[in-house]
Structures are given as C-alpha cells and as structure tokens.
Amino acid sequence: MIDRIDNEGAVYLVKPKPKGIKALLFTRLFIIALLILVEVAVALAPLVFLEEYMHHFIVVLGIFSLVMLVWLFNSRMDSSAKLTWMFIIAILPVGGALLLLFTQTNIGHRVIKERTEKMVSETMDYLEQDPRAMEALRREDSYTDDLLHYLNKSGCFPVFTDTEVTYFPSGEKKFEALLEELEKAEKYIFMEYFIVEEGHMWGRILKILLDKAKAGVDVRVMYDGMCEISNLPPYYCRRLEEEGIKAHAFSPIRPVVSSHYNYRDHRKICVIDGRTAFTGGVNLADEYINRVERFGHWKDTALMVKGDAARSFALMFLQMWNIDEKDPDFSPALMGGGGEERRGKEDGGRPDSPGFVIPYCDSPLSGEKVGETIYMDILNRAGRYVHIMTPYLILDGELEAALCYAGRRGLDVKLILPGIPDKKVAYALAKAHYPALLDAGVQIYEYTPGFVHAKVTVSDDEKGVVGTINYDYRSLYHHFECAAYLYRTDCIADMERDFQETLAKCRRVTKETARTEKLFYRVVGPLVRFIAPLM
C-alpha cells in the first residue's frame, strides 16, 4: 500500500525513518553489528582455554604467518595490495596473517564467485558479434579491435555500430530523459542501481514503474544491499513486490562475519525493452539531481544508448539478477535493439549514427582488472590529450605510473576532482597522489562549486568512457561496475565540451597550493595510503 503521493506526483512506499538514539538502538544496523560482535567473541573464546599450551600455539602461529607471507609473495595480487598486506603482517604477524587467510578463503565469497562465473560462462556467446561492425572497426586502424579482443576474454561484449548515443552533462538532464523513456516501455524495464532512496527522484520514477507493472510490463528493480543499512528498510523489496514490481537486493548485510560484503554492486543500469539503456554516475536519490544539497553543487554525468547496444546492458543486468535465481533466464536480453533495420550498408555496416560503442562490465571476482586496463589503454595510446573527471583518486602503482608516463611524454593530461569532498579521508588519499602527478606534468583541478561524481574519460576527440568506474581501489578492485567505451561517436564532442565548461569552474592545483594544503590532508593522506587497497 502506498504511503503517500506528493503534489508533484512522487510516490512514497514507506514512512520516513525515525531519528534519535532510540531509533538507532532498534535499527537493523545496530542489531547486525551486535550479533557480529557476539559471533567474533564466540570464535575467540577457545583461546582462553589454551593458556597452558600458549607457547606451542605461538610457534605454530609463527610458522603459519611465514607460510602466508610466502603465499602472498607468489600470489597474483597487485603489488600495491601485497605491500599493504606485508606491512600489516609485519606489525601484526598473527592477526594480519589470519585476516589475510580470512579474506582469501571466505565461504560466502566463494559462493558468489562460483555463481558469477557460472552466469558469465553460460552467456559468453549469448549476443552475436556483427561481423560487419567488427570489420569496420578493424579498418579504423585505432587498435580498438585489440581492446575488444581483450574484453571478450572475460565476457560477452560485442562492438556495435548501429547505436545512437546521448551524453548528459548533469543528473537533471539524465532524469528528464529517463522519465520520458520509461513512459515508452512496452515489454520490460530493468533497473540496477547502487543507491535507491525515497524522495522526489525515485518517487517520480516509481510512479511510472507502478503504472507500467499494472499494465503488464515486466518491471524489475535491483539495488545494492547496503541500501538496507543506509537508505531503505530491509523489507523494501517485499513492498515493491506487493505492488507488482520484482525486486532484489544484491548481497544484503547479514549478521554473519564475511568478506564478501566488501564486493558491492556499484553499477547503474536502466534498460527499456532492449532498445534503450542508461548508465553513468547518477544514482536514484535527490542529491544526484541537486534536489537536495549535501556537498555543494553535485556534478554528475550519464549516457543513453539506443539500438542493439542496449541489449548488452540487458545481459549485464540479467547476469546479476540471475545469481540468486533457481532457473536463470536470459531471453529478455535478445529482445529489442532495432539495429536490423539499419544494417547491410555497402560501407561495411556503418549506420546513420557514426562511431562504435562497446558496453562492458567489470567483476571483482573475475581476476581481470577490466576497468583499469581500459583506462590504461586510453592513457598509453593517446596522441594529444586525456581528460578525466572522477570523484576519487586512490591509485595503485600501475595506474599512477600510466598517468605519470602520459604526462611525461607530453600529453595534455588533466584531472577534475571535487572541490568539496564527501569523504575527507578519501580526499586526503587523493591529495597524497598530487605531488607525483604534478611532477610528471599532469594538471589537476578541483571543482569549486561542490562535488564531482562524474566518471568520464575522453581522449583525442575520438575515444571516451562513461560509466560507473572511479579511479580508485574500490571501483577497480572491489566493486561490480559497468561502462560504455566510445570510439568516434558524435557525443565525444559533447563530453569534451562539458569537460571544458566544468574546467572553467575549477581551481588549479599547483605544487605551491599542494604544499600549503590543510594540515589534516597533508598528514592523513600519507598515513592511510598504506592501507588504501583495503578501503
């Protein structure tokens, strides 16, 4: 039953959360934290009874710590993370080694990994690659076909030439287009977002979803399970289902100690009838459209694709949706598109909308750093410039080296980061990278009106990426992510124009301003940098 509808047509399913200490004591977060503490206490209790054998026990643990160090040194973990773990084990030999073992062998982690691998393997060839699009890409001599070959080692990521691409320079613009496209849905609506929060934005969308569900449209909503801690009640999926909307919470937090909670669904995907899809940085909460202000003006971006490429996003959605389904069904990914009517041109498949689009996703469980590899490919192949907008800059050694190399070889490398941070420790970590980047000739700017949440990379007026992938450890190593790689699409010009317009509202960071930064940032950044891979 709907709680209320405001005078702008936004629907609210639940009452606002109560505030105060009493409300906190009875929240799901408090109860889960209490149960986890009890679980840890029970696990450690046997140590009390081993006091007379403690000497032998310490020897065993010492040998165990040495074994874990040898394993760590020979693992495929990236070098920055290895250094972090070695430091932790050096100062906490037993505790650090046990924590490393826990993070690498957790049962919950393995279950999700196996299910995810199963979903990917079952759909590796689900979407056929149009040979004319592939041949047209090879003729471009851009090395993008090499990148496509790499991508398809880890999933089903065809390249499309029959796709119209629209770039939105703000959450407000994306929101307007999303409402318009949702109204056109006839077969299905798939929505997968990191954050969903009741308010004007979600309420307006929800009103359309409810109407479409009543009309027989297959409406599915999936959000990250952390929402049940921060934004939504744990029964919100049930409330949606009561209204005819299928709903999943990805990896909801349970009162069980598990490392798989570190892997969050950070993707933002909306697919309508397999012919229209959205991605980008914009979640479904009011700060993303500046309806409420949290950290000054919220600068975000998004992308809309129309055509066969939308089916790639449908497949990504269904892979995540079916992780918990007993009878996985991927057939909706074959619906829609519409490219068949525009194919068959004598020029090898070139459509009326020029350029190439490769939707792709990244999984923390695949063993491949897809998001980082694509960013590094752009940096290493660029001939004139690489311009980047990102909310966080927490780099591993490889990506920092790629940025520095691009700057040192004379490229115009510019980064736009927030002027007002949402997380001060993350902001301090970003500033810890400034000296090395500035020395290499990389130009850094901070958005003075507020917070930049955009995830945009554009290069040489030809290549670009818009999606959910930040330049930080969490996105590159710990989150499920998605994006679209663009080559010579019309919207590349729009992306660069937006970058320049945003740049005009930024302050430039110099070596002098970096040296006179606030004491908190100058102290905290270097101090926490050694544990950045674990954040």
Protein backbone atom coordinates (compact mmCIF):
# COMPACT_ATOMS: atom_id res chain seq x y z
CA MET A 1 0.00 0.00 0.00
CA ILE A 2 1.37 3.42 -1.00
CA ASP A 3 2.22 5.63 1.99
CA ARG A 4 1.65 8.90 0.14
CA ILE A 5 1.91 10.77 -3.17
CA ASP A 6 3.18 14.34 -3.05
CA ASN A 7 1.84 17.23 -5.12
CA GLU A 8 4.49 16.63 -7.83
CA GLY A 9 3.42 13.03 -8.39
CA ALA A 10 6.26 11.35 -6.47
CA VAL A 11 5.25 8.07 -4.80
CA TYR A 12 6.44 7.06 -1.31
CA LEU A 13 6.04 3.44 -0.16
CA VAL A 14 7.41 3.71 3.38
CA LYS A 15 7.27 6.24 6.17
CA PRO A 16 10.39 8.36 6.86
CA LYS A 17 12.93 6.75 9.17
CA PRO A 18 12.70 7.80 12.82
CA LYS A 19 15.63 9.74 14.27
CA GLY A 20 17.42 9.83 17.61
CA ILE A 21 19.23 7.38 19.91
CA LYS A 22 16.21 5.14 20.47
CA ALA A 23 15.72 4.79 16.74
CA LEU A 24 19.41 3.85 16.32
CA LEU A 25 19.24 1.17 19.01
CA PHE A 26 16.47 -0.63 17.16
CA THR A 27 17.84 -0.29 13.64
CA ARG A 28 18.88 -3.31 11.62
CA LEU A 29 22.45 -1.98 11.51
CA PHE A 30 22.74 -1.96 15.31
CA ILE A 31 21.30 -5.45 15.67
CA ILE A 32 23.59 -6.85 12.94
CA ALA A 33 26.66 -5.20 14.49
CA LEU A 34 25.74 -6.64 17.90
CA LEU A 35 25.29 -10.16 16.51
CA ILE A 36 28.60 -9.97 14.63
CA LEU A 37 30.39 -8.95 17.85
CA VAL A 38 28.85 -11.96 19.59
CA GLU A 39 30.00 -14.19 16.73
CA VAL A 40 33.58 -12.88 16.97
CA ALA A 41 33.57 -13.33 20.75
CA VAL A 42 32.44 -16.96 20.41
CA ALA A 43 35.16 -17.60 17.80
CA LEU A 44 37.88 -16.19 20.08
CA ALA A 45 36.63 -17.85 23.29
CA PRO A 46 38.62 -21.12 22.81
CA LEU A 47 41.88 -19.13 23.12
CA VAL A 48 41.13 -18.60 26.81
CA PHE A 49 41.35 -22.36 27.39
CA LEU A 50 44.67 -22.75 25.55
CA GLU A 51 46.73 -20.81 28.08
CA GLU A 52 48.91 -23.76 29.17
CA TYR A 53 49.66 -24.62 25.53
CA MET A 54 50.26 -20.99 24.52
CA HIS A 55 54.00 -21.42 23.86
CA HIS A 56 53.43 -24.21 21.33
CA PHE A 57 50.47 -22.32 19.94
CA ILE A 58 52.62 -19.22 19.30
CA VAL A 59 55.21 -21.31 17.45
CA VAL A 60 52.52 -22.80 15.23
CA LEU A 61 51.09 -19.35 14.52
CA GLY A 62 54.57 -18.05 13.69
CA ILE A 63 55.05 -20.80 11.11
CA PHE A 64 51.57 -20.09 9.79
CA SER A 65 52.41 -16.37 9.37
CA LEU A 66 55.56 -17.28 7.43
CA VAL A 67 53.57 -19.60 5.16
CA MET A 68 51.03 -16.84 4.47
CA LEU A 69 53.83 -14.41 3.59
CA VAL A 70 55.27 -16.90 1.08
CA TRP A 71 51.82 -17.42 -0.40
CA LEU A 72 51.26 -13.66 -0.59
CA PHE A 73 54.55 -13.05 -2.37
CA ASN A 74 53.69 -15.66 -5.03
CA SER A 75 50.03 -14.67 -5.47
CA ARG A 76 48.62 -12.70 -8.40
CA MET A 77 47.58 -9.84 -6.14
CA ASP A 78 48.69 -6.43 -7.40
CA SER A 79 51.93 -5.07 -5.97
CA SER A 80 50.32 -2.22 -4.00
CA ALA A 81 47.99 -4.62 -2.19
CA LYS A 82 50.90 -7.00 -1.49
CA LEU A 83 52.84 -4.18 0.14
CA THR A 84 49.82 -3.31 2.28
CA TRP A 85 49.39 -6.88 3.47
CA MET A 86 53.13 -7.28 4.13
CA PHE A 87 53.07 -4.13 6.24
CA ILE A 88 50.05 -5.37 8.22
CA ILE A 89 51.64 -8.79 8.80
CA ALA A 90 54.92 -7.08 9.81
CA ILE A 91 53.26 -5.11 12.62
CA LEU A 92 50.61 -7.74 13.47
CA PRO A 93 52.15 -11.09 12.44
CA VAL A 94 49.43 -13.40 13.70
CA GLY A 95 46.41 -11.17 13.35
CA GLY A 96 47.46 -9.93 9.92
CA ALA A 97 48.08 -13.46 8.61
CA LEU A 98 44.72 -14.67 9.95
CA LEU A 99 42.96 -11.68 8.39
CA LEU A 100 44.64 -12.39 5.03
CA LEU A 101 43.58 -16.04 5.22
CA PHE A 102 40.03 -15.00 6.07
CA THR A 103 39.75 -12.57 3.15
CA GLN A 104 41.10 -15.12 0.67
CA THR A 105 39.13 -18.22 1.71
CA ASN A 106 35.76 -16.94 2.92
CA ILE A 107 32.92 -19.33 2.04
CA GLY A 108 30.43 -16.59 1.22
CA HIS A 109 32.95 -15.10 -1.20
CA ARG A 110 33.39 -18.46 -2.95
CA VAL A 111 29.66 -18.99 -3.36
CA ILE A 112 29.17 -15.61 -5.07
CA LYS A 113 32.28 -16.19 -7.19
CA GLU A 114 31.04 -19.57 -8.39
CA ARG A 115 27.58 -18.23 -9.19
CA THR A 116 29.02 -15.21 -11.01
CA GLU A 117 31.40 -17.35 -13.06
CA LYS A 118 28.51 -19.65 -13.95
CA MET A 119 26.41 -16.71 -15.17
CA VAL A 120 29.26 -15.36 -17.31
CA SER A 121 30.22 -18.76 -18.77
CA GLU A 122 26.59 -19.50 -19.73
CA THR A 123 26.33 -16.22 -21.64
CA MET A 124 29.78 -15.85 -23.22
CA ASP A 125 28.31 -16.22 -26.72
CA TYR A 126 24.80 -15.02 -25.99
CA LEU A 127 24.97 -11.85 -28.07
CA GLU A 128 26.38 -12.42 -31.54
CA GLN A 129 29.06 -10.13 -32.88
CA ASP A 130 28.01 -8.47 -36.14
CA PRO A 131 30.96 -9.31 -38.46
CA ARG A 132 30.42 -6.10 -40.46
CA ALA A 133 30.80 -3.99 -37.34
CA MET A 134 33.96 -5.88 -36.45
CA GLU A 135 35.40 -5.47 -39.94
CA ALA A 136 34.59 -1.74 -39.94
CA LEU A 137 36.40 -1.40 -36.60
CA ARG A 138 39.48 -3.21 -37.93
CA ARG A 139 39.66 -0.82 -40.87
CA GLU A 140 39.84 2.14 -38.48
CA ASP A 141 43.42 1.23 -37.52
CA SER A 142 42.76 2.52 -33.98
CA TYR A 143 43.79 -0.63 -32.07
CA THR A 144 40.28 -0.65 -30.59
CA ASP A 145 39.79 -4.11 -32.11
CA ASP A 146 42.68 -5.30 -29.90
CA LEU A 147 40.85 -3.92 -26.88
CA LEU A 148 37.68 -5.68 -27.99
CA HIS A 149 39.57 -8.97 -28.24
CA TYR A 150 40.78 -8.48 -24.66
CA LEU A 151 37.30 -7.65 -23.38
CA ASN A 152 35.76 -10.76 -24.85
CA LYS A 153 38.19 -12.94 -22.95
CA SER A 154 36.24 -12.06 -19.80
CA GLY A 155 32.65 -11.72 -21.02
CA CYS A 156 30.22 -11.13 -23.86
CA PHE A 157 30.99 -7.58 -25.04
CA PRO A 158 30.25 -7.07 -28.77
CA VAL A 159 31.03 -3.83 -30.57
CA PHE A 160 28.04 -2.03 -32.09
CA THR A 161 27.83 0.43 -34.97
CA ASP A 162 24.05 0.85 -35.03
CA THR A 163 23.69 2.82 -31.81
CA GLU A 164 22.64 6.39 -31.11
CA VAL A 165 24.49 7.77 -28.09
CA THR A 166 23.41 10.75 -25.98
CA TYR A 167 25.65 12.26 -23.30
CA PHE A 168 24.06 14.03 -20.32
CA PRO A 169 26.24 16.61 -18.53
CA SER A 170 24.11 16.53 -15.38
CA GLY A 171 21.89 14.28 -13.31
CA GLU A 172 18.97 16.62 -14.00
CA LYS A 173 19.25 16.09 -17.78
CA LYS A 174 19.50 12.32 -17.35
CA PHE A 175 16.46 12.34 -15.04
CA GLU A 176 14.30 14.18 -17.60
CA ALA A 177 15.25 11.76 -20.39
CA LEU A 178 14.81 8.72 -18.14
CA LEU A 179 11.25 9.68 -17.24
CA GLU A 180 10.45 10.18 -20.91
CA GLU A 181 11.88 6.83 -21.97
CA LEU A 182 10.27 4.91 -19.09
CA GLU A 183 6.86 6.10 -20.29
CA LYS A 184 7.52 4.37 -23.63
CA ALA A 185 8.14 0.91 -22.13
CA GLU A 186 6.04 -1.91 -23.59
CA LYS A 187 7.82 -5.17 -22.70
CA TYR A 188 10.19 -4.69 -19.79
CA ILE A 189 12.06 -2.24 -17.56
CA PHE A 190 15.25 -3.37 -15.82
CA MET A 191 16.80 -1.06 -13.22
CA GLU A 192 20.00 -1.80 -11.31
CA TYR A 193 21.43 0.93 -9.08
CA PHE A 194 23.94 1.20 -6.26
CA ILE A 195 21.72 3.63 -4.34
CA VAL A 196 17.94 3.94 -4.26
CA GLU A 197 16.44 6.36 -1.77
CA GLU A 198 12.87 7.52 -1.33
CA GLY A 199 12.42 11.11 -2.40
CA HIS A 200 11.38 13.18 -5.39
CA MET A 201 13.63 11.46 -7.95
CA TRP A 202 12.84 7.86 -7.02
CA GLY A 203 9.21 8.75 -6.30
CA ARG A 204 8.64 10.12 -9.82
CA ILE A 205 10.30 7.06 -11.33
CA LEU A 206 8.39 4.70 -9.05
CA LYS A 207 5.06 6.19 -10.11
CA ILE A 208 5.83 5.21 -13.73
CA LEU A 209 7.08 1.76 -12.70
CA LEU A 210 3.89 1.06 -10.76
CA ASP A 211 1.71 2.11 -13.70
CA LYS A 212 3.74 0.00 -16.12
CA ALA A 213 3.65 -3.05 -13.83
CA LYS A 214 -0.15 -2.76 -13.66
CA ALA A 215 -0.21 -2.62 -17.47
CA GLY A 216 1.66 -5.94 -17.69
CA VAL A 217 5.20 -4.68 -18.29
CA ASP A 218 7.92 -6.84 -16.70
CA VAL A 219 9.41 -4.39 -14.17
CA ARG A 220 12.48 -5.44 -12.19
CA VAL A 221 14.45 -3.35 -9.70
CA MET A 222 17.76 -4.33 -8.12
CA TYR A 223 19.81 -2.27 -5.70
CA ASP A 224 22.87 -2.89 -3.57
CA GLY A 225 22.19 -4.48 -0.20
CA MET A 226 23.97 -1.62 1.62
CA CYS A 227 20.84 0.43 0.88
CA GLU A 228 19.06 -1.60 3.55
CA ILE A 229 21.53 -0.19 6.07
CA SER A 230 21.67 3.41 4.90
CA ASN A 231 18.60 4.34 2.85
CA LEU A 232 15.84 1.72 2.73
CA PRO A 233 14.21 -0.67 5.20
CA PRO A 234 15.07 -4.40 4.82
CA TYR A 235 11.51 -5.16 3.75
CA TYR A 236 11.56 -2.71 0.82
CA CYS A 237 11.89 -5.48 -1.78
CA ARG A 238 8.75 -7.06 -0.36
CA ARG A 239 6.93 -3.73 -0.56
CA LEU A 240 7.84 -3.38 -4.23
CA GLU A 241 6.71 -6.93 -4.96
CA GLU A 242 3.39 -6.26 -3.25
CA GLU A 243 2.91 -3.50 -5.84
CA GLY A 244 3.76 -5.81 -8.77
CA ILE A 245 7.46 -4.92 -9.17
CA LYS A 246 10.03 -7.72 -9.00
CA ALA A 247 12.88 -6.70 -6.70
CA HIS A 248 16.26 -7.93 -5.48
CA ALA A 249 18.78 -6.54 -3.01
CA PHE A 250 22.29 -7.59 -4.03
CA SER A 251 24.31 -9.12 -1.18
CA PRO A 252 22.27 -7.76 1.74
CA ILE A 253 24.12 -7.41 5.03
CA ARG A 254 23.51 -10.36 7.37
CA PRO A 255 24.62 -10.94 10.99
CA VAL A 256 27.46 -13.19 9.79
CA VAL A 257 31.17 -12.34 9.54
CA SER A 258 32.02 -12.48 5.84
CA SER A 259 34.49 -10.83 3.47
CA HIS A 260 32.08 -10.92 0.53
CA TYR A 261 30.34 -7.82 1.91
CA ASN A 262 33.33 -5.95 0.51
CA TYR A 263 32.09 -6.66 -3.02
CA ARG A 264 29.30 -4.21 -3.77
CA ASP A 265 27.12 -3.71 -6.83
CA HIS A 266 28.17 -0.19 -7.83
CA ARG A 267 26.57 -0.37 -11.29
CA LYS A 268 23.90 1.99 -12.62
CA ILE A 269 21.87 0.40 -15.40
CA CYS A 270 18.41 1.01 -16.78
CA VAL A 271 17.24 -0.95 -19.83
CA ILE A 272 13.90 -0.41 -21.56
CA ASP A 273 12.61 -3.05 -23.99
CA GLY A 274 16.16 -3.88 -25.10
CA ARG A 275 16.26 -0.78 -27.28
CA THR A 276 17.22 1.97 -24.81
CA ALA A 277 19.73 1.85 -21.96
CA PHE A 278 21.22 4.28 -19.46
CA THR A 279 24.45 4.18 -17.49
CA GLY A 280 26.75 6.68 -15.79
CA GLY A 281 27.30 8.01 -12.30
CA VAL A 282 23.74 9.01 -11.43
CA ASN A 283 22.03 7.02 -8.67
CA LEU A 284 18.35 7.30 -7.74
CA ALA A 285 18.47 9.81 -4.89
CA ASP A 286 17.72 13.53 -4.73
CA GLU A 287 21.29 14.82 -4.33
CA TYR A 288 22.10 13.44 -7.81
CA ILE A 289 19.68 15.94 -9.37
CA ASN A 290 20.51 18.73 -6.89
CA ARG A 291 17.06 18.48 -5.38
CA VAL A 292 18.83 18.48 -2.02
CA GLU A 293 22.31 19.83 -1.31
CA ARG A 294 24.88 17.72 0.51
CA PHE A 295 28.32 18.81 -0.71
CA GLY A 296 27.64 21.93 -2.71
CA HIS A 297 26.58 21.53 -6.33
CA TRP A 298 26.54 17.88 -7.41
CA LYS A 299 28.22 17.46 -10.80
CA ASP A 300 27.37 14.16 -12.46
CA THR A 301 27.09 12.66 -15.93
CA ALA A 302 25.24 9.86 -17.71
CA LEU A 303 24.87 8.17 -21.08
CA MET A 304 21.87 6.93 -23.06
CA VAL A 305 22.28 4.40 -25.86
CA LYS A 306 19.57 3.47 -28.35
CA GLY A 307 19.89 0.43 -30.59
CA ASP A 308 21.40 -3.02 -30.33
CA ALA A 309 23.96 -1.94 -27.71
CA ALA A 310 21.13 -1.68 -25.19
CA ARG A 311 20.93 -5.48 -25.23
CA SER A 312 24.46 -5.67 -23.79
CA PHE A 313 23.26 -3.76 -20.75
CA ALA A 314 20.21 -6.06 -20.55
CA LEU A 315 22.55 -9.05 -20.45
CA MET A 316 24.68 -7.44 -17.73
CA PHE A 317 21.56 -6.86 -15.67
CA LEU A 318 20.31 -10.41 -16.11
CA GLN A 319 23.67 -11.89 -15.13
CA MET A 320 23.42 -10.15 -11.76
CA TRP A 321 19.69 -10.75 -11.39
CA ASN A 322 20.03 -14.48 -12.02
CA ILE A 323 22.74 -15.04 -9.41
CA ASP A 324 20.00 -15.83 -6.87
CA GLU A 325 17.52 -17.39 -9.31
CA LYS A 326 16.97 -21.16 -9.41
CA ASP A 327 16.07 -21.11 -13.10
CA PRO A 328 18.16 -18.41 -14.83
CA ASP A 329 16.51 -16.83 -17.86
CA PHE A 330 18.49 -14.61 -20.23
CA SER A 331 15.99 -14.47 -23.09
CA PRO A 332 14.92 -10.84 -22.44
CA ALA A 333 18.43 -9.77 -23.46
CA LEU A 334 17.59 -10.82 -27.03
CA MET A 335 14.56 -8.52 -27.22
CA GLY A 336 14.58 -5.09 -28.80
CA GLY A 337 17.57 -3.42 -30.37
CA GLY A 338 16.27 -2.40 -33.74
CA GLY A 339 19.63 -2.40 -35.50
CA GLU A 340 18.47 -4.99 -38.05
CA GLU A 341 16.59 -2.30 -39.95
CA ARG A 342 19.72 -0.16 -40.33
CA ARG A 343 22.30 -2.82 -41.18
CA GLY A 344 23.51 -4.04 -44.55
CA LYS A 345 25.03 -0.82 -45.82
CA GLU A 346 27.66 -1.12 -48.54
CA ASP A 347 30.24 0.67 -46.37
CA GLY A 348 30.57 -2.37 -44.11
CA GLY A 349 27.87 -1.78 -41.57
CA ARG A 350 28.21 1.94 -40.86
CA PRO A 351 24.88 3.27 -39.55
CA ASP A 352 23.36 6.73 -39.76
CA SER A 353 24.75 7.30 -36.24
CA PRO A 354 28.54 7.16 -36.67
CA GLY A 355 31.05 5.55 -34.38
CA PHE A 356 31.45 2.42 -32.33
CA VAL A 357 30.05 1.52 -28.89
CA ILE A 358 31.30 -1.29 -26.62
CA PRO A 359 29.29 -1.70 -23.40
CA TYR A 360 31.24 -3.68 -20.80
CA CYS A 361 31.27 -4.57 -17.14
CA ASP A 362 33.87 -5.43 -14.52
CA SER A 363 33.69 -8.01 -11.73
CA PRO A 364 35.93 -8.10 -8.64
CA LEU A 365 35.75 -11.90 -8.79
CA SER A 366 36.97 -12.45 -12.36
CA GLY A 367 40.70 -12.00 -11.77
CA GLU A 368 40.77 -9.37 -14.55
CA LYS A 369 41.10 -5.63 -13.88
CA VAL A 370 38.93 -4.69 -16.85
CA GLY A 371 38.10 -1.13 -15.78
CA GLU A 372 41.72 -0.25 -15.01
CA THR A 373 43.03 -1.92 -18.17
CA ILE A 374 40.75 0.19 -20.37
CA TYR A 375 41.78 3.40 -18.61
CA MET A 376 45.44 2.47 -19.03
CA ASP A 377 44.88 1.57 -22.69
CA ILE A 378 43.48 5.06 -23.33
CA LEU A 379 46.38 6.69 -21.46
CA ASN A 380 49.02 4.64 -23.28
CA ARG A 381 47.59 5.08 -26.79
CA ALA A 382 46.59 8.76 -26.59
CA GLY A 383 48.31 11.11 -29.03
CA ARG A 384 47.27 14.57 -27.82
CA TYR A 385 45.23 14.62 -24.63
CA VAL A 386 43.41 12.64 -21.95
CA HIS A 387 40.83 14.50 -19.84
CA ILE A 388 39.35 12.84 -16.77
CA MET A 389 36.58 13.59 -14.29
CA THR A 390 36.47 11.37 -11.19
CA PRO A 391 35.25 11.79 -7.61
CA TYR A 392 38.08 9.75 -6.09
CA LEU A 393 41.76 9.33 -6.90
CA ILE A 394 43.15 6.35 -4.98
CA LEU A 395 45.58 4.73 -7.38
CA ASP A 396 47.62 1.58 -7.43
CA GLY A 397 51.21 1.73 -8.65
CA GLU A 398 50.36 0.70 -12.23
CA LEU A 399 47.69 3.33 -12.83
CA GLU A 400 49.71 6.10 -11.19
CA ALA A 401 52.66 5.12 -13.40
CA ALA A 402 50.44 5.24 -16.52
CA LEU A 403 49.19 8.74 -15.63
CA CYS A 404 52.73 9.95 -14.93
CA TYR A 405 54.06 8.44 -18.15
CA ALA A 406 51.30 10.12 -20.16
CA GLY A 407 52.22 13.45 -18.59
CA ARG A 408 55.96 12.97 -19.09
CA ARG A 409 55.62 12.13 -22.78
CA GLY A 410 54.00 15.49 -23.40
CA LEU A 411 50.29 14.67 -23.41
CA ASP A 412 47.78 17.21 -22.13
CA VAL A 413 46.58 15.21 -19.11
CA LYS A 414 44.00 16.97 -16.96
CA LEU A 415 42.10 15.65 -13.93
CA ILE A 416 38.99 17.25 -12.43
CA LEU A 417 38.21 16.22 -8.85
CA PRO A 418 35.79 17.53 -6.22
CA GLY A 419 36.30 20.89 -4.56
CA ILE A 420 34.04 19.85 -1.67
CA PRO A 421 34.61 16.21 -0.64
CA ASP A 422 32.00 13.73 0.50
CA LYS A 423 34.63 11.67 2.37
CA LYS A 424 37.54 13.58 3.91
CA VAL A 425 39.82 10.55 4.27
CA ALA A 426 39.34 9.63 0.60
CA TYR A 427 40.02 13.26 -0.31
CA ALA A 428 43.22 13.16 1.74
CA LEU A 429 44.28 10.00 -0.10
CA ALA A 430 43.70 11.69 -3.45
CA LYS A 431 45.90 14.60 -2.39
CA ALA A 432 48.64 12.15 -1.42
CA HIS A 433 48.97 11.37 -5.16
CA TYR A 434 49.20 15.04 -6.19
CA PRO A 435 52.99 15.55 -5.81
CA ALA A 436 53.99 12.66 -8.10
CA LEU A 437 51.39 13.60 -10.72
CA LEU A 438 52.28 17.28 -10.68
CA ASP A 439 55.98 16.45 -11.04
CA ALA A 440 55.10 14.41 -14.15
CA GLY A 441 53.24 17.32 -15.75
CA VAL A 442 49.71 16.12 -15.02
CA GLN A 443 47.36 19.07 -14.44
CA ILE A 444 44.93 18.75 -11.51
CA TYR A 445 41.82 20.85 -10.95
CA GLU A 446 39.21 20.93 -8.18
CA TYR A 447 35.56 21.80 -8.84
CA THR A 448 34.88 24.82 -6.65
CA PRO A 449 31.03 24.75 -6.68
CA GLY A 450 30.93 21.36 -4.97
CA PHE A 451 31.27 17.64 -5.53
CA VAL A 452 32.20 15.89 -8.79
CA HIS A 453 30.64 12.42 -9.03
CA ALA A 454 31.14 12.05 -12.80
CA LYS A 455 33.16 9.14 -14.17
CA VAL A 456 34.28 10.42 -17.58
CA THR A 457 37.43 9.88 -19.63
CA VAL A 458 37.81 11.47 -23.07
CA SER A 459 40.83 11.41 -25.37
CA ASP A 460 41.92 12.96 -28.70
CA ASP A 461 38.34 13.85 -29.76
CA GLU A 462 37.96 10.16 -30.65
CA LYS A 463 37.78 7.92 -27.59
CA GLY A 464 35.84 8.09 -24.37
CA VAL A 465 34.40 6.15 -21.46
CA VAL A 466 31.29 6.98 -19.46
CA GLY A 467 30.14 4.67 -16.70
CA THR A 468 30.36 3.90 -13.01
CA ILE A 469 34.12 3.24 -12.65
CA ASN A 470 36.08 5.64 -10.45
CA TYR A 471 39.86 5.98 -10.43
CA ASP A 472 40.08 4.31 -7.03
CA TYR A 473 40.70 0.92 -5.45
CA ARG A 474 37.08 0.25 -4.58
CA SER A 475 35.87 0.63 -8.15
CA LEU A 476 38.86 -1.03 -9.77
CA TYR A 477 39.19 -3.99 -7.38
CA HIS A 478 36.19 -4.42 -5.07
CA HIS A 479 33.03 -3.39 -6.94
CA PHE A 480 30.86 -4.73 -9.73
CA GLU A 481 30.97 -1.95 -12.32
CA CYS A 482 29.88 -1.09 -15.86
CA ALA A 483 30.60 1.46 -18.58
CA ALA A 484 30.50 2.13 -22.30
CA TYR A 485 33.63 2.54 -24.40
CA LEU A 486 33.03 5.01 -27.22
CA TYR A 487 35.04 5.47 -30.40
CA ARG A 488 34.27 8.28 -32.85
CA THR A 489 30.67 8.68 -31.71
CA ASP A 490 29.07 12.12 -32.03
CA CYS A 491 28.83 12.52 -28.26
CA ILE A 492 32.64 12.56 -27.83
CA ALA A 493 32.48 16.25 -28.75
CA ASP A 494 29.77 16.79 -26.12
CA MET A 495 31.93 15.09 -23.50
CA GLU A 496 34.94 17.29 -24.26
CA ARG A 497 32.75 20.42 -24.31
CA ASP A 498 31.34 19.51 -20.91
CA PHE A 499 34.85 18.92 -19.59
CA GLN A 500 35.97 22.37 -20.70
CA GLU A 501 32.87 24.04 -19.26
CA THR A 502 33.43 22.26 -15.96
CA LEU A 503 37.11 23.18 -16.04
CA ALA A 504 36.15 26.86 -16.14
CA LYS A 505 34.55 26.41 -12.70
CA CYS A 506 37.63 24.81 -11.14
CA ARG A 507 40.68 25.97 -9.23
CA ARG A 508 44.00 24.66 -10.43
CA VAL A 509 46.21 22.71 -8.04
CA THR A 510 49.90 23.65 -8.16
CA LYS A 511 52.95 22.45 -6.26
CA GLU A 512 52.65 25.57 -4.11
CA THR A 513 48.95 25.06 -3.26
CA ALA A 514 49.67 21.37 -2.55
CA ARG A 515 52.40 22.35 -0.07
CA THR A 516 50.07 24.77 1.73
CA GLU A 517 47.14 22.35 1.90
CA LYS A 518 45.28 21.96 5.23
CA LEU A 519 47.28 20.07 7.86
CA PHE A 520 44.62 17.32 8.08
CA TYR A 521 45.03 16.39 4.43
CA ARG A 522 48.85 16.64 4.48
CA VAL A 523 49.05 14.32 7.49
CA VAL A 524 46.18 11.88 6.97
CA GLY A 525 46.79 11.16 3.26
CA PRO A 526 50.30 9.68 3.64
CA LEU A 527 49.34 7.93 6.88
CA VAL A 528 46.42 5.98 5.42
CA ARG A 529 47.89 5.46 1.96
CA PHE A 530 49.50 2.19 3.02
CA ILE A 531 46.05 0.68 3.73
CA ALA A 532 44.37 2.19 0.65
CA PRO A 533 43.92 -1.24 -1.04
CA LEU A 534 41.76 -2.34 1.89
CA MET A 535 39.49 0.73 1.91
